[in-house]
C-alpha atoms as a PDB file:
ATOM      1  CA  SER A   1     -27.770-129.171  18.795  1.00  0.00           C
ATOM      2  CA  SER A   2     -30.709-127.534  17.051  1.00  0.00           C
ATOM      3  CA  GLY A   3     -32.094-125.841  20.145  1.00  0.00           C
ATOM      4  CA  ILE A   4     -35.429-127.628  19.782  1.00  0.00           C
ATOM      5  CA  ASN A   5     -36.883-130.019  22.337  1.00  0.00           C
ATOM      6  CA  ALA A   6     -39.321-132.640  21.102  1.00  0.00           C
ATOM      7  CA  GLU A   7     -41.680-134.720  23.166  1.00  0.00           C
ATOM      8  CA  TYR A   8     -42.758-137.717  21.159  1.00  0.00           C
ATOM      9  CA  GLY A   9     -43.676-141.216  22.148  1.00  0.00           C
ATOM     10  CA  ASN A  10     -44.469-144.126  19.871  1.00  0.00           C
ATOM     11  CA  THR A  11     -41.657-146.435  20.893  1.00  0.00           C
ATOM     12  CA  MET A  12     -43.746-149.571  20.443  1.00  0.00           C
ATOM     13  CA  ILE A  13     -43.834-149.120  16.660  1.00  0.00           C
ATOM     14  CA  TYR A  14     -40.383-147.562  16.278  1.00  0.00           C
ATOM     15  CA  PRO A  15     -38.284-148.377  19.359  1.00  0.00           C
ATOM     16  CA  VAL A  16     -35.810-145.700  20.426  1.00  0.00           C
ATOM     17  CA  ILE A  17     -33.844-146.054  23.630  1.00  0.00           C
ATOM     18  CA  LEU A  18     -31.585-143.728  25.577  1.00  0.00           C
ATOM     19  CA  ARG A  19     -28.318-143.061  23.734  1.00  0.00           C
ATOM     20  CA  ASP A  20     -29.685-144.187  20.353  1.00  0.00           C
ATOM     21  CA  LYS A  21     -28.556-141.827  17.644  1.00  0.00           C
ATOM     22  CA  PHE A  22     -30.995-141.040  14.896  1.00  0.00           C
ATOM     23  CA  ARG A  23     -31.726-138.577  12.150  1.00  0.00           C
ATOM     24  CA  LEU A  24     -35.059-136.786  12.354  1.00  0.00           C
ATOM     25  CA  LEU A  25     -36.416-134.654   9.550  1.00  0.00           C
ATOM     26  CA  LEU A  26     -39.564-132.538   9.580  1.00  0.00           C
ATOM     27  CA  ALA A  27     -40.762-131.654   6.107  1.00  0.00           C
ATOM     28  CA  THR A  28     -43.859-130.197   4.480  1.00  0.00           C
ATOM     29  CA  THR A  29     -43.427-132.442   1.433  1.00  0.00           C
ATOM     30  CA  LEU A  30     -41.888-135.806   0.592  1.00  0.00           C
ATOM     31  CA  GLN A  31     -40.704-134.550  -2.786  1.00  0.00           C
ATOM     32  CA  GLU A  32     -36.893-134.381  -3.000  1.00  0.00           C
ATOM     33  CA  ASP A  33     -37.040-131.085  -4.875  1.00  0.00           C
ATOM     34  CA  GLY A  34     -39.271-129.500  -2.219  1.00  0.00           C
ATOM     35  CA  ALA A  35     -42.254-129.239  -4.570  1.00  0.00           C
ATOM     36  CA  PRO A  36     -45.610-129.338  -2.767  1.00  0.00           C
ATOM     37  CA  ASP A  37     -47.399-132.673  -2.766  1.00  0.00           C
ATOM     38  CA  ASP A  38     -51.085-133.463  -2.532  1.00  0.00           C
ATOM     39  CA  GLY A  39     -50.855-134.437   1.150  1.00  0.00           C
ATOM     40  CA  SER A  40     -51.291-138.146   0.592  1.00  0.00           C
ATOM     41  CA  TYR A  41     -48.763-140.918   1.051  1.00  0.00           C
ATOM     42  CA  THR A  42     -48.613-144.327  -0.581  1.00  0.00           C
ATOM     43  CA  ALA A  43     -45.888-146.729   0.508  1.00  0.00           C
ATOM     44  CA  SER A  44     -45.331-147.735  -3.115  1.00  0.00           C
ATOM     45  CA  LEU A  45     -44.191-144.219  -4.079  1.00  0.00           C
ATOM     46  CA  GLU A  46     -40.553-144.152  -5.156  1.00  0.00           C
ATOM     47  CA  GLY A  47     -38.113-141.311  -5.498  1.00  0.00           C
ATOM     48  CA  THR A  48     -39.212-139.443  -2.358  1.00  0.00           C
ATOM     49  CA  ARG A  49     -37.488-138.403   0.866  1.00  0.00           C
ATOM     50  CA  ALA A  50     -39.173-141.389   2.534  1.00  0.00           C
ATOM     51  CA  ASP A  51     -36.920-143.797   0.587  1.00  0.00           C
ATOM     52  CA  THR A  52     -33.937-143.118   2.852  1.00  0.00           C
ATOM     53  CA  PHE A  53     -35.804-143.250   6.169  1.00  0.00           C
ATOM     54  CA  GLU A  54     -37.126-146.165   8.228  1.00  0.00           C
ATOM     55  CA  TYR A  55     -40.147-144.463   9.795  1.00  0.00           C
ATOM     56  CA  VAL A  56     -42.507-141.863   8.323  1.00  0.00           C
ATOM     57  CA  MET A  57     -45.561-140.165   9.839  1.00  0.00           C
ATOM     58  CA  TYR A  58     -47.938-137.575   8.399  1.00  0.00           C
ATOM     59  CA  GLY A  59     -49.501-134.957  10.655  1.00  0.00           C
ATOM     60  CA  ARG A  60     -50.921-131.492  11.017  1.00  0.00           C
ATOM     61  CA  ILE A  61     -49.961-128.514  13.204  1.00  0.00           C
ATOM     62  CA  TYR A  62     -52.958-127.775  15.405  1.00  0.00           C
ATOM     63  CA  ARG A  63     -51.600-125.160  17.819  1.00  0.00           C
ATOM     64  CA  ILE A  64     -48.691-122.759  18.201  1.00  0.00           C
ATOM     65  CA  GLU A  65     -48.151-120.898  21.437  1.00  0.00           C
ATOM     66  CA  GLY A  66     -45.446-118.774  22.977  1.00  0.00           C
ATOM     67  CA  ASP A  67     -44.374-115.461  24.392  1.00  0.00           C
ATOM     68  CA  ASP A  68     -44.018-113.156  21.399  1.00  0.00           C
ATOM     69  CA  PHE A  69     -44.170-114.379  17.811  1.00  0.00           C
ATOM     70  CA  ALA A  70     -42.358-111.284  16.523  1.00  0.00           C
ATOM     71  CA  ASP A  71     -39.358-111.693  18.850  1.00  0.00           C
ATOM     72  CA  SER A  72     -36.802-114.110  17.302  1.00  0.00           C
ATOM     73  CA  ASN A  73     -35.480-114.909  20.817  1.00  0.00           C
ATOM     74  CA  ALA A  74     -38.934-115.900  22.079  1.00  0.00           C
ATOM     75  CA  ILE A  75     -39.619-119.506  23.002  1.00  0.00           C
ATOM     76  CA  LEU A  76     -42.463-121.070  21.010  1.00  0.00           C
ATOM     77  CA  SER A  77     -44.193-124.450  21.105  1.00  0.00           C
ATOM     78  CA  ALA A  78     -45.683-126.047  18.004  1.00  0.00           C
ATOM     79  CA  TYR A  79     -48.128-128.906  18.560  1.00  0.00           C
ATOM     80  CA  ILE A  80     -48.515-131.536  15.836  1.00  0.00           C
ATOM     81  CA  SER A  81     -51.030-134.368  15.709  1.00  0.00           C
ATOM     82  CA  TYR A  82     -50.046-137.522  13.841  1.00  0.00           C
ATOM     83  CA  GLY A  83     -53.432-139.237  13.801  1.00  0.00           C
ATOM     84  CA  GLY A  84     -53.844-138.785  17.545  1.00  0.00           C
ATOM     85  CA  LEU A  85     -50.177-139.293  18.458  1.00  0.00           C
ATOM     86  CA  LEU A  86     -49.209-135.840  19.669  1.00  0.00           C
ATOM     87  CA  MET A  87     -45.853-134.089  19.401  1.00  0.00           C
ATOM     88  CA  ARG A  88     -44.710-130.806  20.916  1.00  0.00           C
ATOM     89  CA  LEU A  89     -41.710-128.971  19.472  1.00  0.00           C
ATOM     90  CA  LYS A  90     -40.360-126.268  21.739  1.00  0.00           C
ATOM     91  CA  GLY A  91     -37.617-123.863  20.771  1.00  0.00           C
ATOM     92  CA  ALA A  92     -36.546-120.408  19.683  1.00  0.00           C
ATOM     93  CA  ALA A  93     -38.939-118.661  17.314  1.00  0.00           C
ATOM     94  CA  ASN A  94     -36.241-118.467  14.616  1.00  0.00           C
ATOM     95  CA  ASN A  95     -35.941-122.306  14.684  1.00  0.00           C
ATOM     96  CA  LEU A  96     -39.702-122.735  14.287  1.00  0.00           C
ATOM     97  CA  HIS A  97     -40.047-120.023  11.638  1.00  0.00           C
ATOM     98  CA  GLY A  98     -42.546-120.853   8.908  1.00  0.00           C
ATOM     99  CA  MET A  99     -44.700-123.206  10.964  1.00  0.00           C
ATOM    100  CA  GLU A 100     -48.394-122.357  10.788  1.00  0.00           C
ATOM    101  CA  VAL A 101     -51.569-123.798  12.289  1.00  0.00           C
ATOM    102  CA  GLY A 102     -53.173-126.146   9.760  1.00  0.00           C
ATOM    103  CA  GLN A 103     -49.901-126.881   7.982  1.00  0.00           C
ATOM    104  CA  THR A 104     -49.159-130.528   7.190  1.00  0.00           C
ATOM    105  CA  VAL A 105     -45.880-131.988   8.447  1.00  0.00           C
ATOM    106  CA  TYR A 106     -44.101-135.247   7.704  1.00  0.00           C
ATOM    107  CA  LEU A 107     -41.844-136.696  10.402  1.00  0.00           C
ATOM    108  CA  LEU A 108     -39.121-138.973   9.036  1.00  0.00           C
ATOM    109  CA  MET A 109     -36.719-140.967  11.238  1.00  0.00           C
ATOM    110  CA  LYS A 110     -33.741-143.233  10.689  1.00  0.00           C
ATOM    111  CA  LYS A 111     -31.429-144.742  13.278  1.00  0.00           C
ATOM    112  CA  LEU A 112     -27.741-144.086  12.760  1.00  0.00           C
ATOM    113  CA  ALA A 113     -25.133-146.795  13.172  1.00  0.00           C
ATOM    114  CA  PHE A 114     -21.949-145.911  15.049  1.00  0.00           C
END
């Protein structure tokens, strides 16, 4: 467990039901080597992190709130907008380290087969 709770809901486009297992990755770039990208996504791009995932969204952090940003045990919430679909990540400050208001974030998902 990562210690982060996510509230997200676009199950009409990418259905996820209780007990489904999936891999979720949040990244600031789609480049495999971690190099910054220009913030645009074209489905025809090859050789990116998106190649191994079934669902990709592009968003922006619009708010971060919490008790004490300097305290690594503090609980923070980061709010991300994916074109109007909103997501809240809530967890320990050390798990949300590096997130900043205005930062772009890709959400990548893939269901796991067991």
